[in-house]
Amino acid sequence: MFTPVSARAASAYKRVGAQTSIEGASPHQVICLLFEALLRSLQSARGALARGDIETKGEAIGKAVRILEEGLKSGLDMDAGGELAVNLNGVYNYSILRLTTANLKNDASLIEEVTQLIVPVFDAWKSINVPSVGNA
């Protein structure tokens, strides 16, 4: 059965345990919330690693990977999205690989690398002018 992208993204957002309510959020806003939660998780992982809190670092990286896998990647429409969807899928897969390595090696530079990859994607997403439902 087909599930609309917005429903999949909202469900993924709830599964990854993001703190902000998504009731009434547009699909565009849900993706913004996923990016925000991802960046918070990356920041948390860097901070935990700096403190030597390996357990919290692992939890934060695990959450970041779930946001990438279950939220952002699952929201991609590989058929309609064309080259852009393929490229984003590649960025997300690479980010997951780097975060997994960062977790195994306790390497903050890899967490920062992923942050530097994700921030421009998030900035581009935020710059998309999506009309509100009432103005459509």
N, C-alpha and C. Protein backbone atom coordinates (compact mmCIF):
# COMPACT_ATOMS: atom_id res chain seq x y z
N MET A 1 0.83 -1.18 0.00
CA MET A 1 0.00 0.00 0.00
C MET A 1 0.88 1.24 0.00
N PHE A 2 0.46 2.28 -0.68
CA PHE A 2 1.20 3.52 -0.80
C PHE A 2 0.90 4.44 0.39
N THR A 3 1.95 4.95 0.98
CA THR A 3 1.81 5.92 2.07
C THR A 3 2.38 7.24 1.58
N PRO A 4 1.63 8.35 1.66
CA PRO A 4 2.15 9.62 1.20
C PRO A 4 3.45 9.99 1.93
N VAL A 5 4.31 10.70 1.21
CA VAL A 5 5.61 11.11 1.76
C VAL A 5 5.42 11.88 3.07
N SER A 6 4.44 12.78 3.12
CA SER A 6 4.26 13.58 4.34
C SER A 6 3.90 12.69 5.53
N ALA A 7 3.11 11.65 5.29
CA ALA A 7 2.75 10.74 6.38
C ALA A 7 3.96 9.93 6.81
N ARG A 8 4.77 9.48 5.84
CA ARG A 8 5.99 8.73 6.19
C ARG A 8 6.95 9.61 6.96
N ALA A 9 7.13 10.85 6.53
CA ALA A 9 8.05 11.76 7.21
C ALA A 9 7.57 12.06 8.61
N ALA A 10 6.27 12.29 8.78
CA ALA A 10 5.72 12.58 10.11
C ALA A 10 5.89 11.38 11.01
N SER A 11 5.65 10.19 10.49
CA SER A 11 5.81 8.98 11.27
C SER A 11 7.27 8.79 11.67
N ALA A 12 8.18 9.03 10.74
CA ALA A 12 9.60 8.89 11.03
C ALA A 12 10.03 9.91 12.07
N TYR A 13 9.50 11.11 11.97
CA TYR A 13 9.83 12.15 12.93
C TYR A 13 9.42 11.73 14.34
N LYS A 14 8.24 11.14 14.45
CA LYS A 14 7.78 10.66 15.76
C LYS A 14 8.66 9.51 16.25
N ARG A 15 9.05 8.60 15.35
CA ARG A 15 9.86 7.45 15.74
C ARG A 15 11.22 7.86 16.27
N VAL A 16 11.83 8.90 15.71
CA VAL A 16 13.17 9.27 16.13
C VAL A 16 13.15 10.10 17.40
N GLY A 17 11.98 10.39 17.92
CA GLY A 17 11.87 11.00 19.23
C GLY A 17 12.19 12.48 19.27
N ALA A 18 11.97 13.20 18.18
CA ALA A 18 12.22 14.64 18.20
C ALA A 18 11.26 15.30 19.19
N GLN A 19 11.69 16.40 19.77
CA GLN A 19 10.97 17.00 20.89
C GLN A 19 9.81 17.90 20.47
N THR A 20 9.88 18.49 19.31
CA THR A 20 8.89 19.48 18.92
C THR A 20 7.64 18.82 18.34
N SER A 21 6.48 19.35 18.65
CA SER A 21 5.23 18.83 18.13
C SER A 21 5.13 19.10 16.64
N ILE A 22 4.60 18.15 15.90
CA ILE A 22 4.46 18.34 14.45
C ILE A 22 3.02 18.50 14.02
N GLU A 23 2.11 18.55 14.99
CA GLU A 23 0.71 18.71 14.62
C GLU A 23 0.53 19.99 13.81
N GLY A 24 -0.10 19.86 12.68
CA GLY A 24 -0.37 21.01 11.83
C GLY A 24 0.80 21.44 10.97
N ALA A 25 1.93 20.76 11.06
CA ALA A 25 3.11 21.13 10.27
C ALA A 25 2.94 20.63 8.83
N SER A 26 3.40 21.43 7.89
CA SER A 26 3.39 21.02 6.49
C SER A 26 4.51 20.00 6.28
N PRO A 27 4.48 19.26 5.16
CA PRO A 27 5.58 18.34 4.87
C PRO A 27 6.93 19.07 4.85
N HIS A 28 6.96 20.27 4.31
CA HIS A 28 8.19 21.06 4.28
C HIS A 28 8.68 21.34 5.70
N GLN A 29 7.76 21.71 6.58
CA GLN A 29 8.13 22.00 7.97
C GLN A 29 8.60 20.74 8.69
N VAL A 30 7.99 19.60 8.38
CA VAL A 30 8.41 18.35 9.02
C VAL A 30 9.86 18.04 8.66
N ILE A 31 10.23 18.22 7.40
CA ILE A 31 11.61 17.98 6.99
C ILE A 31 12.54 18.96 7.70
N CYS A 32 12.12 20.22 7.85
CA CYS A 32 12.92 21.19 8.61
C CYS A 32 13.12 20.71 10.04
N LEU A 33 12.07 20.19 10.66
CA LEU A 33 12.17 19.68 12.02
C LEU A 33 13.13 18.49 12.10
N LEU A 34 13.11 17.64 11.09
CA LEU A 34 14.05 16.52 11.05
C LEU A 34 15.49 17.02 10.97
N PHE A 35 15.73 18.00 10.10
CA PHE A 35 17.09 18.55 10.00
C PHE A 35 17.52 19.18 11.32
N GLU A 36 16.62 19.91 11.97
CA GLU A 36 16.95 20.53 13.26
C GLU A 36 17.30 19.47 14.30
N ALA A 37 16.51 18.41 14.35
CA ALA A 37 16.77 17.32 15.30
C ALA A 37 18.09 16.63 14.98
N LEU A 38 18.39 16.46 13.70
CA LEU A 38 19.65 15.86 13.29
C LEU A 38 20.82 16.70 13.77
N LEU A 39 20.76 18.00 13.53
CA LEU A 39 21.86 18.88 13.93
C LEU A 39 22.01 18.93 15.45
N ARG A 40 20.91 18.89 16.18
CA ARG A 40 20.99 18.83 17.64
C ARG A 40 21.67 17.54 18.09
N SER A 41 21.34 16.44 17.45
CA SER A 41 21.96 15.16 17.80
C SER A 41 23.46 15.17 17.51
N LEU A 42 23.84 15.77 16.40
CA LEU A 42 25.27 15.86 16.08
C LEU A 42 26.00 16.73 17.09
N GLN A 43 25.37 17.83 17.48
CA GLN A 43 25.97 18.70 18.50
C GLN A 43 26.08 17.97 19.83
N SER A 44 25.06 17.24 20.19
CA SER A 44 25.08 16.46 21.43
C SER A 44 26.18 15.42 21.40
N ALA A 45 26.35 14.76 20.28
CA ALA A 45 27.40 13.74 20.14
C ALA A 45 28.78 14.36 20.29
N ARG A 46 29.00 15.52 19.66
CA ARG A 46 30.30 16.21 19.80
C ARG A 46 30.56 16.59 21.24
N GLY A 47 29.56 17.15 21.91
CA GLY A 47 29.72 17.55 23.30
C GLY A 47 29.99 16.36 24.20
N ALA A 48 29.26 15.28 24.00
CA ALA A 48 29.46 14.08 24.82
C ALA A 48 30.85 13.51 24.61
N LEU A 49 31.30 13.51 23.36
CA LEU A 49 32.63 13.00 23.07
C LEU A 49 33.70 13.86 23.75
N ALA A 50 33.51 15.17 23.71
CA ALA A 50 34.46 16.08 24.35
C ALA A 50 34.52 15.85 25.86
N ARG A 51 33.40 15.48 26.45
CA ARG A 51 33.33 15.21 27.90
C ARG A 51 33.78 13.79 28.24
N GLY A 52 33.97 12.96 27.24
CA GLY A 52 34.32 11.57 27.48
C GLY A 52 33.12 10.72 27.84
N ASP A 53 31.93 11.21 27.55
CA ASP A 53 30.69 10.48 27.85
C ASP A 53 30.34 9.61 26.64
N ILE A 54 30.93 8.45 26.62
CA ILE A 54 30.82 7.57 25.45
C ILE A 54 29.39 7.05 25.27
N GLU A 55 28.71 6.78 26.37
CA GLU A 55 27.33 6.27 26.26
C GLU A 55 26.41 7.30 25.60
N THR A 56 26.48 8.55 26.05
CA THR A 56 25.64 9.61 25.47
C THR A 56 26.04 9.87 24.03
N LYS A 57 27.34 9.83 23.74
CA LYS A 57 27.81 9.99 22.35
C LYS A 57 27.19 8.94 21.47
N GLY A 58 27.19 7.68 21.92
CA GLY A 58 26.62 6.60 21.13
C GLY A 58 25.13 6.76 20.91
N GLU A 59 24.43 7.20 21.95
CA GLU A 59 22.98 7.43 21.82
C GLU A 59 22.69 8.55 20.84
N ALA A 60 23.47 9.64 20.92
CA ALA A 60 23.24 10.78 20.03
C ALA A 60 23.55 10.42 18.58
N ILE A 61 24.63 9.68 18.37
CA ILE A 61 24.95 9.26 17.00
C ILE A 61 23.88 8.29 16.49
N GLY A 62 23.43 7.39 17.35
CA GLY A 62 22.36 6.47 16.95
C GLY A 62 21.10 7.21 16.53
N LYS A 63 20.76 8.24 17.28
CA LYS A 63 19.58 9.04 16.93
C LYS A 63 19.79 9.76 15.60
N ALA A 64 20.98 10.31 15.40
CA ALA A 64 21.28 11.00 14.13
C ALA A 64 21.16 10.04 12.96
N VAL A 65 21.68 8.84 13.12
CA VAL A 65 21.60 7.84 12.05
C VAL A 65 20.15 7.48 11.77
N ARG A 66 19.35 7.32 12.82
CA ARG A 66 17.92 7.01 12.61
C ARG A 66 17.19 8.15 11.90
N ILE A 67 17.52 9.39 12.24
CA ILE A 67 16.90 10.53 11.55
C ILE A 67 17.26 10.49 10.08
N LEU A 68 18.52 10.23 9.78
CA LEU A 68 18.94 10.15 8.38
C LEU A 68 18.24 9.01 7.66
N GLU A 69 18.26 7.84 8.28
CA GLU A 69 17.73 6.63 7.64
C GLU A 69 16.21 6.61 7.58
N GLU A 70 15.56 6.80 8.72
CA GLU A 70 14.11 6.63 8.81
C GLU A 70 13.34 7.90 8.48
N GLY A 71 14.00 9.04 8.57
CA GLY A 71 13.32 10.30 8.32
C GLY A 71 13.65 10.88 6.95
N LEU A 72 14.88 11.33 6.80
CA LEU A 72 15.26 12.04 5.58
C LEU A 72 15.33 11.13 4.37
N LYS A 73 15.98 9.97 4.50
CA LYS A 73 16.07 9.06 3.35
C LYS A 73 14.70 8.50 2.97
N SER A 74 13.90 8.16 3.96
CA SER A 74 12.60 7.56 3.64
C SER A 74 11.66 8.58 3.00
N GLY A 75 11.93 9.86 3.17
CA GLY A 75 11.11 10.89 2.56
C GLY A 75 11.46 11.20 1.12
N LEU A 76 12.57 10.63 0.64
CA LEU A 76 12.97 10.87 -0.75
C LEU A 76 12.08 10.10 -1.71
N ASP A 77 11.67 10.76 -2.76
CA ASP A 77 10.91 10.12 -3.83
C ASP A 77 11.88 9.86 -4.97
N MET A 78 12.43 8.66 -5.01
CA MET A 78 13.48 8.35 -5.98
C MET A 78 12.97 8.36 -7.42
N ASP A 79 11.67 8.13 -7.62
CA ASP A 79 11.13 8.16 -8.98
C ASP A 79 10.94 9.59 -9.46
N ALA A 80 10.26 10.40 -8.68
CA ALA A 80 9.95 11.77 -9.09
C ALA A 80 11.10 12.73 -8.81
N GLY A 81 11.98 12.38 -7.88
CA GLY A 81 13.04 13.30 -7.47
C GLY A 81 14.23 13.36 -8.39
N GLY A 82 14.36 12.40 -9.27
CA GLY A 82 15.43 12.40 -10.25
C GLY A 82 16.82 12.46 -9.65
N GLU A 83 17.68 13.21 -10.31
CA GLU A 83 19.09 13.31 -9.91
C GLU A 83 19.24 13.90 -8.51
N LEU A 84 18.39 14.86 -8.16
CA LEU A 84 18.47 15.47 -6.84
C LEU A 84 18.24 14.43 -5.74
N ALA A 85 17.22 13.60 -5.90
CA ALA A 85 16.94 12.56 -4.90
C ALA A 85 18.10 11.56 -4.82
N VAL A 86 18.64 11.21 -5.96
CA VAL A 86 19.78 10.28 -5.98
C VAL A 86 20.97 10.89 -5.24
N ASN A 87 21.24 12.17 -5.50
CA ASN A 87 22.36 12.84 -4.85
C ASN A 87 22.14 12.97 -3.34
N LEU A 88 20.93 13.33 -2.94
CA LEU A 88 20.64 13.42 -1.50
C LEU A 88 20.76 12.06 -0.84
N ASN A 89 20.27 11.03 -1.49
CA ASN A 89 20.40 9.67 -0.96
C ASN A 89 21.88 9.34 -0.75
N GLY A 90 22.72 9.74 -1.69
CA GLY A 90 24.16 9.51 -1.56
C GLY A 90 24.75 10.26 -0.38
N VAL A 91 24.34 11.51 -0.19
CA VAL A 91 24.83 12.31 0.94
C VAL A 91 24.40 11.67 2.25
N TYR A 92 23.15 11.25 2.31
CA TYR A 92 22.64 10.63 3.54
C TYR A 92 23.36 9.31 3.83
N ASN A 93 23.56 8.48 2.80
CA ASN A 93 24.27 7.21 2.98
C ASN A 93 25.71 7.45 3.45
N TYR A 94 26.38 8.41 2.82
CA TYR A 94 27.76 8.73 3.21
C TYR A 94 27.79 9.22 4.66
N SER A 95 26.83 10.06 5.01
CA SER A 95 26.77 10.59 6.37
C SER A 95 26.58 9.47 7.39
N ILE A 96 25.73 8.52 7.06
CA ILE A 96 25.51 7.37 7.95
C ILE A 96 26.81 6.58 8.12
N LEU A 97 27.51 6.35 7.04
CA LEU A 97 28.79 5.64 7.10
C LEU A 97 29.80 6.39 7.97
N ARG A 98 29.90 7.70 7.78
CA ARG A 98 30.86 8.50 8.55
C ARG A 98 30.49 8.53 10.03
N LEU A 99 29.19 8.62 10.32
CA LEU A 99 28.77 8.62 11.72
C LEU A 99 29.02 7.27 12.39
N THR A 100 28.81 6.21 11.65
CA THR A 100 29.10 4.88 12.19
C THR A 100 30.58 4.75 12.52
N THR A 101 31.42 5.24 11.62
CA THR A 101 32.87 5.23 11.86
C THR A 101 33.23 6.13 13.03
N ALA A 102 32.60 7.30 13.10
CA ALA A 102 32.86 8.23 14.22
C ALA A 102 32.52 7.57 15.54
N ASN A 103 31.43 6.83 15.55
CA ASN A 103 31.01 6.14 16.77
C ASN A 103 32.03 5.07 17.17
N LEU A 104 32.47 4.31 16.21
CA LEU A 104 33.43 3.24 16.48
C LEU A 104 34.79 3.77 16.93
N LYS A 105 35.22 4.87 16.32
CA LYS A 105 36.57 5.39 16.57
C LYS A 105 36.59 6.58 17.53
N ASN A 106 35.41 7.00 18.03
CA ASN A 106 35.33 8.20 18.88
C ASN A 106 36.02 9.38 18.22
N ASP A 107 35.66 9.63 16.97
CA ASP A 107 36.32 10.64 16.15
C ASP A 107 35.38 11.83 15.92
N ALA A 108 35.64 12.91 16.65
CA ALA A 108 34.81 14.11 16.54
C ALA A 108 34.92 14.76 15.18
N SER A 109 36.06 14.60 14.50
CA SER A 109 36.21 15.23 13.18
C SER A 109 35.23 14.66 12.17
N LEU A 110 34.85 13.39 12.32
CA LEU A 110 33.88 12.79 11.41
C LEU A 110 32.47 13.31 11.69
N ILE A 111 32.18 13.57 12.94
CA ILE A 111 30.88 14.17 13.28
C ILE A 111 30.81 15.57 12.69
N GLU A 112 31.91 16.31 12.80
CA GLU A 112 31.96 17.66 12.22
C GLU A 112 31.85 17.60 10.70
N GLU A 113 32.47 16.61 10.09
CA GLU A 113 32.37 16.45 8.63
C GLU A 113 30.91 16.29 8.20
N VAL A 114 30.18 15.46 8.92
CA VAL A 114 28.76 15.25 8.60
C VAL A 114 27.99 16.55 8.81
N THR A 115 28.28 17.26 9.88
CA THR A 115 27.61 18.54 10.12
C THR A 115 27.85 19.48 8.94
N GLN A 116 29.09 19.53 8.46
CA GLN A 116 29.42 20.41 7.34
C GLN A 116 28.74 19.98 6.04
N LEU A 117 28.42 18.71 5.92
CA LEU A 117 27.66 18.23 4.75
C LEU A 117 26.18 18.56 4.86
N ILE A 118 25.64 18.45 6.06
CA ILE A 118 24.20 18.58 6.25
C ILE A 118 23.75 20.04 6.30
N VAL A 119 24.53 20.92 6.88
CA VAL A 119 24.11 22.33 7.03
C VAL A 119 23.75 22.97 5.69
N PRO A 120 24.56 22.83 4.63
CA PRO A 120 24.15 23.44 3.35
C PRO A 120 22.87 22.83 2.77
N VAL A 121 22.67 21.55 2.98
CA VAL A 121 21.44 20.91 2.49
C VAL A 121 20.24 21.48 3.24
N PHE A 122 20.38 21.61 4.56
CA PHE A 122 19.31 22.19 5.36
C PHE A 122 19.07 23.64 4.96
N ASP A 123 20.12 24.41 4.77
CA ASP A 123 19.97 25.81 4.37
C ASP A 123 19.23 25.91 3.03
N ALA A 124 19.56 25.03 2.10
CA ALA A 124 18.88 25.04 0.80
C ALA A 124 17.41 24.67 0.98
N TRP A 125 17.15 23.69 1.83
CA TRP A 125 15.76 23.28 2.08
C TRP A 125 14.96 24.44 2.67
N LYS A 126 15.55 25.14 3.64
CA LYS A 126 14.86 26.26 4.28
C LYS A 126 14.58 27.39 3.28
N SER A 127 15.41 27.51 2.26
CA SER A 127 15.24 28.61 1.30
C SER A 127 14.14 28.35 0.28
N ILE A 128 13.62 27.14 0.25
CA ILE A 128 12.53 26.82 -0.68
C ILE A 128 11.29 27.58 -0.24
N ASN A 129 10.70 28.30 -1.16
CA ASN A 129 9.50 29.08 -0.88
C ASN A 129 8.28 28.19 -1.11
N VAL A 130 7.74 27.69 -0.03
CA VAL A 130 6.57 26.80 -0.10
C VAL A 130 5.37 27.60 0.35
N PRO A 131 4.34 27.73 -0.51
CA PRO A 131 3.15 28.47 -0.09
C PRO A 131 2.44 27.76 1.06
N SER A 132 1.86 28.53 1.94
CA SER A 132 1.10 27.93 3.03
C SER A 132 -0.19 27.38 2.48
N VAL A 133 -0.81 26.48 3.21
CA VAL A 133 -2.02 25.79 2.76
C VAL A 133 -3.13 26.80 2.46
N GLY A 134 -3.26 27.83 3.28
CA GLY A 134 -4.31 28.81 3.09
C GLY A 134 -4.12 29.68 1.86
N ASN A 135 -2.85 29.76 1.38
CA ASN A 135 -2.56 30.61 0.22
C ASN A 135 -2.38 29.84 -1.06
N ALA A 136 -2.52 28.55 -1.03
CA ALA A 136 -2.26 27.74 -2.20
C ALA A 136 -3.38 27.84 -3.20
